[in-house]
Full PDB file with SEQRES, HELIX, SHEET, SSBOND, CRYST1, ORIGX, SCALE, CONECT and MASTER records, all heavy atoms in Angstrom:
SEQRES   1 A   30  ASP PHE MET VAL VAL GLN PHE LEU ASP GLY TRP MET ARG          
SEQRES   2 A   30  MET TYR ARG GLY ASP GLY ARG ALA ASN GLU ASP TRP PHE          
SEQRES   3 A   30  GLY TRP GLY ALA                                              
HELIX    1 AA1 ASN A   22  ASP A   24  5                                   3    
SHEET    1 AA1 2 GLN A   6  LEU A   8  0                                        
SHEET    2 AA1 2 TRP A  11  ARG A  13 -1                                        
CRYST1    1.000    1.000    1.000  90.00  90.00  90.00 P 1           1          
ORIGX1      1.000000  0.000000  0.000000        0.00000                         
ORIGX2      0.000000  1.000000  0.000000        0.00000                         
ORIGX3      0.000000  0.000000  1.000000        0.00000                         
SCALE1      1.000000  0.000000  0.000000        0.00000                         
SCALE2      0.000000  1.000000  0.000000        0.00000                         
SCALE3      0.000000  0.000000  1.000000        0.00000                         
ATOM      1  N   ASP A   1      13.389  -5.452  15.500  1.00  0.00           N  
ATOM      2  CA  ASP A   1      12.606  -5.002  14.288  1.00  0.00           C  
ATOM      3  C   ASP A   1      12.664  -6.113  13.261  1.00  0.00           C  
ATOM      4  O   ASP A   1      13.579  -6.672  12.893  1.00  0.00           O  
ATOM      5  CB  ASP A   1      13.363  -3.766  13.659  1.00  0.00           C  
ATOM      6  CG  ASP A   1      13.267  -2.542  14.536  1.00  0.00           C  
ATOM      7  OD1 ASP A   1      12.224  -2.400  15.275  1.00  0.00           O  
ATOM      8  OD2 ASP A   1      14.216  -1.765  14.701  1.00  0.00           O  
ATOM      9  N   PHE A   2      11.365  -6.307  12.718  1.00  0.00           N  
ATOM     10  CA  PHE A   2      11.201  -7.419  11.750  1.00  0.00           C  
ATOM     11  C   PHE A   2      10.928  -6.805  10.338  1.00  0.00           C  
ATOM     12  O   PHE A   2      10.104  -6.022  10.222  1.00  0.00           O  
ATOM     13  CB  PHE A   2       9.962  -8.213  12.143  1.00  0.00           C  
ATOM     14  CG  PHE A   2      10.208  -9.165  13.326  1.00  0.00           C  
ATOM     15  CD1 PHE A   2      10.294  -8.617  14.556  1.00  0.00           C  
ATOM     16  CD2 PHE A   2      10.306 -10.565  13.215  1.00  0.00           C  
ATOM     17  CE1 PHE A   2      10.479  -9.483  15.697  1.00  0.00           C  
ATOM     18  CE2 PHE A   2      10.580 -11.397  14.252  1.00  0.00           C  
ATOM     19  CZ  PHE A   2      10.636 -10.817  15.611  1.00  0.00           C  
ATOM     20  N   MET A   3      11.736  -7.344   9.382  1.00  0.00           N  
ATOM     21  CA  MET A   3      11.486  -6.785   8.018  1.00  0.00           C  
ATOM     22  C   MET A   3      11.222  -7.979   7.081  1.00  0.00           C  
ATOM     23  O   MET A   3      11.882  -9.075   7.112  1.00  0.00           O  
ATOM     24  CB  MET A   3      12.731  -6.071   7.483  1.00  0.00           C  
ATOM     25  CG  MET A   3      12.814  -4.626   7.996  1.00  0.00           C  
ATOM     26  SD  MET A   3      13.341  -4.539   9.762  1.00  0.00           S  
ATOM     27  CE  MET A   3      15.015  -5.313   9.711  1.00  0.00           C  
ATOM     28  N   VAL A   4      10.098  -8.003   6.233  1.00  0.00           N  
ATOM     29  CA  VAL A   4       9.795  -9.090   5.342  1.00  0.00           C  
ATOM     30  C   VAL A   4      10.815  -9.035   4.166  1.00  0.00           C  
ATOM     31  O   VAL A   4      11.137  -7.967   3.650  1.00  0.00           O  
ATOM     32  CB  VAL A   4       8.367  -8.953   4.900  1.00  0.00           C  
ATOM     33  CG1 VAL A   4       8.091  -9.891   3.716  1.00  0.00           C  
ATOM     34  CG2 VAL A   4       7.352  -9.061   6.033  1.00  0.00           C  
ATOM     35  N   VAL A   5      11.200 -10.181   3.734  1.00  0.00           N  
ATOM     36  CA  VAL A   5      12.157 -10.327   2.585  1.00  0.00           C  
ATOM     37  C   VAL A   5      11.630 -11.336   1.607  1.00  0.00           C  
ATOM     38  O   VAL A   5      10.818 -12.181   1.948  1.00  0.00           O  
ATOM     39  CB  VAL A   5      13.607 -10.718   3.069  1.00  0.00           C  
ATOM     40  CG1 VAL A   5      14.209  -9.548   3.974  1.00  0.00           C  
ATOM     41  CG2 VAL A   5      13.542 -12.030   3.901  1.00  0.00           C  
ATOM     42  N   GLN A   6      12.159 -11.131   0.392  1.00  0.00           N  
ATOM     43  CA  GLN A   6      11.933 -12.137  -0.691  1.00  0.00           C  
ATOM     44  C   GLN A   6      13.089 -12.328  -1.472  1.00  0.00           C  
ATOM     45  O   GLN A   6      13.986 -11.436  -1.555  1.00  0.00           O  
ATOM     46  CB  GLN A   6      10.814 -11.653  -1.643  1.00  0.00           C  
ATOM     47  CG  GLN A   6       9.347 -11.652  -1.126  1.00  0.00           C  
ATOM     48  CD  GLN A   6       8.399 -11.431  -2.180  1.00  0.00           C  
ATOM     49  OE1 GLN A   6       8.627 -11.438  -3.283  1.00  0.00           O  
ATOM     50  NE2 GLN A   6       7.137 -11.150  -1.646  1.00  0.00           N  
ATOM     51  N   PHE A   7      13.203 -13.540  -2.136  1.00  0.00           N  
ATOM     52  CA  PHE A   7      14.272 -13.765  -3.117  1.00  0.00           C  
ATOM     53  C   PHE A   7      13.874 -13.126  -4.338  1.00  0.00           C  
ATOM     54  O   PHE A   7      12.824 -13.366  -4.903  1.00  0.00           O  
ATOM     55  CB  PHE A   7      14.477 -15.312  -3.287  1.00  0.00           C  
ATOM     56  CG  PHE A   7      15.403 -15.912  -2.206  1.00  0.00           C  
ATOM     57  CD1 PHE A   7      14.774 -16.819  -1.428  1.00  0.00           C  
ATOM     58  CD2 PHE A   7      16.644 -15.555  -2.055  1.00  0.00           C  
ATOM     59  CE1 PHE A   7      15.628 -17.502  -0.488  1.00  0.00           C  
ATOM     60  CE2 PHE A   7      17.488 -16.132  -1.118  1.00  0.00           C  
ATOM     61  CZ  PHE A   7      16.914 -17.130  -0.334  1.00  0.00           C  
ATOM     62  N   LEU A   8      14.684 -12.202  -4.945  1.00  0.00           N  
ATOM     63  CA  LEU A   8      14.468 -11.544  -6.145  1.00  0.00           C  
ATOM     64  C   LEU A   8      15.718 -11.310  -6.862  1.00  0.00           C  
ATOM     65  O   LEU A   8      16.728 -10.908  -6.361  1.00  0.00           O  
ATOM     66  CB  LEU A   8      13.865 -10.113  -5.799  1.00  0.00           C  
ATOM     67  CG  LEU A   8      13.407  -9.228  -7.066  1.00  0.00           C  
ATOM     68  CD1 LEU A   8      12.178  -9.953  -7.717  1.00  0.00           C  
ATOM     69  CD2 LEU A   8      13.060  -7.838  -6.540  1.00  0.00           C  
ATOM     70  N   ASP A   9      15.841 -11.949  -8.177  1.00  0.00           N  
ATOM     71  CA  ASP A   9      16.988 -11.877  -8.965  1.00  0.00           C  
ATOM     72  C   ASP A   9      18.148 -12.470  -8.271  1.00  0.00           C  
ATOM     73  O   ASP A   9      19.284 -11.996  -8.436  1.00  0.00           O  
ATOM     74  CB  ASP A   9      17.344 -10.375  -9.392  1.00  0.00           C  
ATOM     75  CG  ASP A   9      16.201  -9.783 -10.107  1.00  0.00           C  
ATOM     76  OD1 ASP A   9      15.511 -10.561 -10.908  1.00  0.00           O  
ATOM     77  OD2 ASP A   9      16.037  -8.566 -10.081  1.00  0.00           O  
ATOM     78  N   GLY A  10      17.904 -13.506  -7.547  1.00  0.00           N  
ATOM     79  CA  GLY A  10      18.914 -14.209  -6.876  1.00  0.00           C  
ATOM     80  C   GLY A  10      19.469 -13.649  -5.582  1.00  0.00           C  
ATOM     81  O   GLY A  10      20.445 -14.132  -4.933  1.00  0.00           O  
ATOM     82  N   TRP A  11      18.749 -12.552  -5.090  1.00  0.00           N  
ATOM     83  CA  TRP A  11      19.145 -11.928  -3.838  1.00  0.00           C  
ATOM     84  C   TRP A  11      18.009 -11.909  -2.887  1.00  0.00           C  
ATOM     85  O   TRP A  11      16.883 -11.871  -3.219  1.00  0.00           O  
ATOM     86  CB  TRP A  11      19.612 -10.458  -4.117  1.00  0.00           C  
ATOM     87  CG  TRP A  11      20.825 -10.307  -5.084  1.00  0.00           C  
ATOM     88  CD1 TRP A  11      20.780 -10.306  -6.382  1.00  0.00           C  
ATOM     89  CD2 TRP A  11      22.083 -10.250  -4.676  1.00  0.00           C  
ATOM     90  NE1 TRP A  11      22.104 -10.205  -6.900  1.00  0.00           N  
ATOM     91  CE2 TRP A  11      22.895 -10.200  -5.844  1.00  0.00           C  
ATOM     92  CE3 TRP A  11      22.701 -10.280  -3.389  1.00  0.00           C  
ATOM     93  CZ2 TRP A  11      24.304 -10.079  -5.787  1.00  0.00           C  
ATOM     94  CZ3 TRP A  11      24.138 -10.192  -3.355  1.00  0.00           C  
ATOM     95  CH2 TRP A  11      24.876 -10.143  -4.537  1.00  0.00           C  
ATOM     96  N   MET A  12      18.347 -11.883  -1.620  1.00  0.00           N  
ATOM     97  CA  MET A  12      17.337 -11.672  -0.599  1.00  0.00           C  
ATOM     98  C   MET A  12      17.088 -10.211  -0.392  1.00  0.00           C  
ATOM     99  O   MET A  12      18.015  -9.493   0.066  1.00  0.00           O  
ATOM    100  CB  MET A  12      17.742 -12.323   0.721  1.00  0.00           C  
ATOM    101  CG  MET A  12      16.698 -12.258   1.804  1.00  0.00           C  
ATOM    102  SD  MET A  12      15.376 -13.413   1.490  1.00  0.00           S  
ATOM    103  CE  MET A  12      16.049 -14.937   2.259  1.00  0.00           C  
ATOM    104  N   ARG A  13      15.924  -9.665  -0.726  1.00  0.00           N  
ATOM    105  CA  ARG A  13      15.798  -8.262  -0.793  1.00  0.00           C  
ATOM    106  C   ARG A  13      14.514  -7.847   0.101  1.00  0.00           C  
ATOM    107  O   ARG A  13      13.572  -8.697   0.303  1.00  0.00           O  
ATOM    108  CB  ARG A  13      15.518  -7.746  -2.215  1.00  0.00           C  
ATOM    109  CG  ARG A  13      16.691  -8.033  -3.143  1.00  0.00           C  
ATOM    110  CD  ARG A  13      16.383  -7.408  -4.464  1.00  0.00           C  
ATOM    111  NE  ARG A  13      17.319  -7.709  -5.502  1.00  0.00           N  
ATOM    112  CZ  ARG A  13      18.370  -7.047  -5.727  1.00  0.00           C  
ATOM    113  NH1 ARG A  13      18.754  -5.930  -4.946  1.00  0.00           N  
ATOM    114  NH2 ARG A  13      19.268  -7.445  -6.682  1.00  0.00           N  
ATOM    115  N   MET A  14      14.517  -6.604   0.584  1.00  0.00           N  
ATOM    116  CA  MET A  14      13.290  -6.127   1.354  1.00  0.00           C  
ATOM    117  C   MET A  14      12.381  -5.324   0.470  1.00  0.00           C  
ATOM    118  O   MET A  14      11.249  -5.185   0.884  1.00  0.00           O  
ATOM    119  CB  MET A  14      13.898  -5.175   2.432  1.00  0.00           C  
ATOM    120  CG  MET A  14      14.499  -5.922   3.584  1.00  0.00           C  
ATOM    121  SD  MET A  14      15.032  -4.869   5.008  1.00  0.00           S  
ATOM    122  CE  MET A  14      16.392  -4.000   4.274  1.00  0.00           C  
ATOM    123  N   TYR A  15      12.791  -4.936  -0.806  1.00  0.00           N  
ATOM    124  CA  TYR A  15      11.872  -4.201  -1.626  1.00  0.00           C  
ATOM    125  C   TYR A  15      12.272  -4.285  -3.048  1.00  0.00           C  
ATOM    126  O   TYR A  15      13.419  -4.761  -3.426  1.00  0.00           O  
ATOM    127  CB  TYR A  15      11.825  -2.622  -1.234  1.00  0.00           C  
ATOM    128  CG  TYR A  15      13.216  -2.049  -1.132  1.00  0.00           C  
ATOM    129  CD1 TYR A  15      13.955  -1.717  -2.352  1.00  0.00           C  
ATOM    130  CD2 TYR A  15      13.900  -1.880   0.044  1.00  0.00           C  
ATOM    131  CE1 TYR A  15      15.204  -1.051  -2.304  1.00  0.00           C  
ATOM    132  CE2 TYR A  15      15.172  -1.331   0.087  1.00  0.00           C  
ATOM    133  CZ  TYR A  15      15.822  -0.887  -0.993  1.00  0.00           C  
ATOM    134  OH  TYR A  15      17.058  -0.358  -1.018  1.00  0.00           O  
ATOM    135  N   ARG A  16      11.340  -4.002  -3.922  1.00  0.00           N  
ATOM    136  CA  ARG A  16      11.640  -3.978  -5.437  1.00  0.00           C  
ATOM    137  C   ARG A  16      12.119  -2.547  -5.746  1.00  0.00           C  
ATOM    138  O   ARG A  16      11.729  -1.552  -5.191  1.00  0.00           O  
ATOM    139  CB  ARG A  16      10.244  -4.201  -6.201  1.00  0.00           C  
ATOM    140  CG  ARG A  16       9.639  -5.557  -5.845  1.00  0.00           C  
ATOM    141  CD  ARG A  16       8.294  -5.621  -6.706  1.00  0.00           C  
ATOM    142  NE  ARG A  16       7.532  -6.787  -6.285  1.00  0.00           N  
ATOM    143  CZ  ARG A  16       6.663  -6.824  -5.406  1.00  0.00           C  
ATOM    144  NH1 ARG A  16       6.443  -5.758  -4.592  1.00  0.00           N  
ATOM    145  NH2 ARG A  16       6.004  -8.015  -5.134  1.00  0.00           N  
ATOM    146  N   GLY A  17      12.841  -2.485  -6.893  1.00  0.00           N  
ATOM    147  CA  GLY A  17      13.291  -1.202  -7.384  1.00  0.00           C  
ATOM    148  C   GLY A  17      14.002  -0.439  -6.299  1.00  0.00           C  
ATOM    149  O   GLY A  17      14.898  -0.889  -5.728  1.00  0.00           O  
ATOM    150  N   ASP A  18      13.752   0.865  -6.371  1.00  0.00           N  
ATOM    151  CA  ASP A  18      14.416   1.774  -5.374  1.00  0.00           C  
ATOM    152  C   ASP A  18      13.744   1.913  -4.011  1.00  0.00           C  
ATOM    153  O   ASP A  18      14.366   2.589  -3.074  1.00  0.00           O  
ATOM    154  CB  ASP A  18      14.650   3.188  -5.993  1.00  0.00           C  
ATOM    155  CG  ASP A  18      13.317   3.859  -6.319  1.00  0.00           C  
ATOM    156  OD1 ASP A  18      12.276   3.458  -5.860  1.00  0.00           O  
ATOM    157  OD2 ASP A  18      13.388   4.892  -7.055  1.00  0.00           O  
ATOM    158  N   GLY A  19      12.647   1.283  -3.817  1.00  0.00           N  
ATOM    159  CA  GLY A  19      12.059   1.189  -2.524  1.00  0.00           C  
ATOM    160  C   GLY A  19      11.418   2.523  -1.950  1.00  0.00           C  
ATOM    161  O   GLY A  19      11.194   2.754  -0.919  1.00  0.00           O  
ATOM    162  N   ARG A  20      11.201   3.469  -3.014  1.00  0.00           N  
ATOM    163  CA  ARG A  20      10.824   4.820  -2.520  1.00  0.00           C  
ATOM    164  C   ARG A  20       9.246   4.831  -2.300  1.00  0.00           C  
ATOM    165  O   ARG A  20       8.784   5.815  -1.701  1.00  0.00           O  
ATOM    166  CB  ARG A  20      11.148   5.828  -3.640  1.00  0.00           C  
ATOM    167  CG  ARG A  20      12.670   6.043  -3.721  1.00  0.00           C  
ATOM    168  CD  ARG A  20      12.939   7.155  -4.716  1.00  0.00           C  
ATOM    169  NE  ARG A  20      14.387   7.323  -4.834  1.00  0.00           N  
ATOM    170  CZ  ARG A  20      15.101   8.136  -3.973  1.00  0.00           C  
ATOM    171  NH1 ARG A  20      14.566   8.790  -3.112  1.00  0.00           N  
ATOM    172  NH2 ARG A  20      16.453   8.148  -4.174  1.00  0.00           N  
ATOM    173  N   ALA A  21       8.599   3.775  -2.658  1.00  0.00           N  
ATOM    174  CA  ALA A  21       7.079   3.795  -2.317  1.00  0.00           C  
ATOM    175  C   ALA A  21       6.817   2.604  -1.350  1.00  0.00           C  
ATOM    176  O   ALA A  21       7.559   1.583  -1.382  1.00  0.00           O  
ATOM    177  CB  ALA A  21       6.293   3.487  -3.665  1.00  0.00           C  
ATOM    178  N   ASN A  22       5.953   2.735  -0.446  1.00  0.00           N  
ATOM    179  CA  ASN A  22       5.620   1.670   0.478  1.00  0.00           C  
ATOM    180  C   ASN A  22       5.206   0.461  -0.192  1.00  0.00           C  
ATOM    181  O   ASN A  22       5.639  -0.718   0.205  1.00  0.00           O  
ATOM    182  CB  ASN A  22       4.431   2.187   1.433  1.00  0.00           C  
ATOM    183  CG  ASN A  22       4.937   3.202   2.535  1.00  0.00           C  
ATOM    184  OD1 ASN A  22       5.879   2.943   3.168  1.00  0.00           O  
ATOM    185  ND2 ASN A  22       4.093   4.160   2.688  1.00  0.00           N  
ATOM    186  N   GLU A  23       4.551   0.542  -1.315  1.00  0.00           N  
ATOM    187  CA  GLU A  23       4.100  -0.699  -2.049  1.00  0.00           C  
ATOM    188  C   GLU A  23       5.315  -1.437  -2.644  1.00  0.00           C  
ATOM    189  O   GLU A  23       5.149  -2.588  -2.932  1.00  0.00           O  
ATOM    190  CB  GLU A  23       3.157  -0.273  -3.182  1.00  0.00           C  
ATOM    191  CG  GLU A  23       1.774   0.237  -2.716  1.00  0.00           C  
ATOM    192  CD  GLU A  23       1.836   1.726  -2.124  1.00  0.00           C  
ATOM    193  OE1 GLU A  23       2.944   2.354  -2.433  1.00  0.00           O  
ATOM    194  OE2 GLU A  23       0.907   2.136  -1.593  1.00  0.00           O  
ATOM    195  N   ASP A  24       6.399  -0.786  -2.743  1.00  0.00           N  
ATOM    196  CA  ASP A  24       7.584  -1.516  -3.194  1.00  0.00           C  
ATOM    197  C   ASP A  24       8.247  -2.511  -2.200  1.00  0.00           C  
ATOM    198  O   ASP A  24       8.862  -3.437  -2.532  1.00  0.00           O  
ATOM    199  CB  ASP A  24       8.793  -0.480  -3.575  1.00  0.00           C  
ATOM    200  CG  ASP A  24       8.486   0.359  -4.668  1.00  0.00           C  
ATOM    201  OD1 ASP A  24       7.626   0.038  -5.529  1.00  0.00           O  
ATOM    202  OD2 ASP A  24       9.116   1.423  -4.763  1.00  0.00           O  
ATOM    203  N   TRP A  25       7.888  -2.370  -0.921  1.00  0.00           N  
ATOM    204  CA  TRP A  25       8.356  -3.112   0.178  1.00  0.00           C  
ATOM    205  C   TRP A  25       7.566  -4.376   0.356  1.00  0.00           C  
ATOM    206  O   TRP A  25       6.312  -4.280   0.362  1.00  0.00           O  
ATOM    207  CB  TRP A  25       8.366  -2.285   1.413  1.00  0.00           C  
ATOM    208  CG  TRP A  25       9.417  -1.311   1.529  1.00  0.00           C  
ATOM    209  CD1 TRP A  25       9.389  -0.213   0.698  1.00  0.00           C  
ATOM    210  CD2 TRP A  25      10.615  -1.141   2.191  1.00  0.00           C  
ATOM    211  NE1 TRP A  25      10.547   0.629   0.921  1.00  0.00           N  
ATOM    212  CE2 TRP A  25      11.315   0.009   1.845  1.00  0.00           C  
ATOM    213  CE3 TRP A  25      11.248  -2.059   3.115  1.00  0.00           C  
ATOM    214  CZ2 TRP A  25      12.532   0.359   2.347  1.00  0.00           C  
ATOM    215  CZ3 TRP A  25      12.503  -1.651   3.644  1.00  0.00           C  
ATOM    216  CH2 TRP A  25      13.161  -0.541   3.254  1.00  0.00           C  
ATOM    217  N   PHE A  26       8.207  -5.487   0.455  1.00  0.00           N  
ATOM    218  CA  PHE A  26       7.462  -6.729   0.546  1.00  0.00           C  
ATOM    219  C   PHE A  26       6.761  -6.902   1.815  1.00  0.00           C  
ATOM    220  O   PHE A  26       5.770  -7.724   1.907  1.00  0.00           O  
ATOM    221  CB  PHE A  26       8.536  -7.973   0.358  1.00  0.00           C  
ATOM    222  CG  PHE A  26       9.218  -7.927  -0.904  1.00  0.00           C  
ATOM    223  CD1 PHE A  26      10.612  -7.871  -0.988  1.00  0.00           C  
ATOM    224  CD2 PHE A  26       8.529  -7.941  -2.140  1.00  0.00           C  
ATOM    225  CE1 PHE A  26      11.305  -7.823  -2.211  1.00  0.00           C  
ATOM    226  CE2 PHE A  26       9.177  -7.873  -3.304  1.00  0.00           C  
ATOM    227  CZ  PHE A  26      10.572  -7.881  -3.338  1.00  0.00           C  
ATOM    228  N   GLY A  27       7.040  -6.164   2.809  1.00  0.00           N  
ATOM    229  CA  GLY A  27       6.432  -6.295   4.072  1.00  0.00           C  
ATOM    230  C   GLY A  27       5.150  -5.357   4.068  1.00  0.00           C  
ATOM    231  O   GLY A  27       4.274  -5.593   5.049  1.00  0.00           O  
ATOM    232  N   TRP A  28       5.043  -4.386   3.229  1.00  0.00           N  
ATOM    233  CA  TRP A  28       3.890  -3.462   3.308  1.00  0.00           C  
ATOM    234  C   TRP A  28       2.559  -4.270   3.210  1.00  0.00           C  
ATOM    235  O   TRP A  28       2.310  -5.006   2.286  1.00  0.00           O  
ATOM    236  CB  TRP A  28       3.974  -2.525   2.178  1.00  0.00           C  
ATOM    237  CG  TRP A  28       2.803  -1.571   2.117  1.00  0.00           C  
ATOM    238  CD1 TRP A  28       1.859  -1.597   1.050  1.00  0.00           C  
ATOM    239  CD2 TRP A  28       2.510  -0.416   2.890  1.00  0.00           C  
ATOM    240  NE1 TRP A  28       0.968  -0.548   1.331  1.00  0.00           N  
ATOM    241  CE2 TRP A  28       1.424   0.159   2.489  1.00  0.00           C  
ATOM    242  CE3 TRP A  28       3.194   0.083   3.999  1.00  0.00           C  
ATOM    243  CZ2 TRP A  28       0.801   1.238   3.035  1.00  0.00           C  
ATOM    244  CZ3 TRP A  28       2.680   1.272   4.652  1.00  0.00           C  
ATOM    245  CH2 TRP A  28       1.558   1.867   4.140  1.00  0.00           C  
ATOM    246  N   GLY A  29       1.729  -4.078   4.226  1.00  0.00           N  
ATOM    247  CA  GLY A  29       0.428  -4.679   4.303  1.00  0.00           C  
ATOM    248  C   GLY A  29       0.445  -6.201   4.733  1.00  0.00           C  
ATOM    249  O   GLY A  29      -0.695  -6.839   4.604  1.00  0.00           O  
ATOM    250  N   ALA A  30       1.599  -6.649   5.050  1.00  0.00           N  
ATOM    251  CA  ALA A  30       1.707  -8.119   5.502  1.00  0.00           C  
ATOM    252  C   ALA A  30       0.908  -8.402   6.649  1.00  0.00           C  
ATOM    253  O   ALA A  30       0.727  -7.513   7.526  1.00  0.00           O  
ATOM    254  CB  ALA A  30       3.148  -8.583   5.622  1.00  0.00           C  
TER     255      ALA A  30                                                      
MASTER        0    0    0    1    2    0    0    6  254    1    0    3          
END                                                                             
């Protein structure tokens, strides 16, 4: 399973905020 990640606030994260919306996830629509 592949998940897109980004550096955000000094951390490697998969989503912004609480991730409750698909659009919060960095991989959505990649």
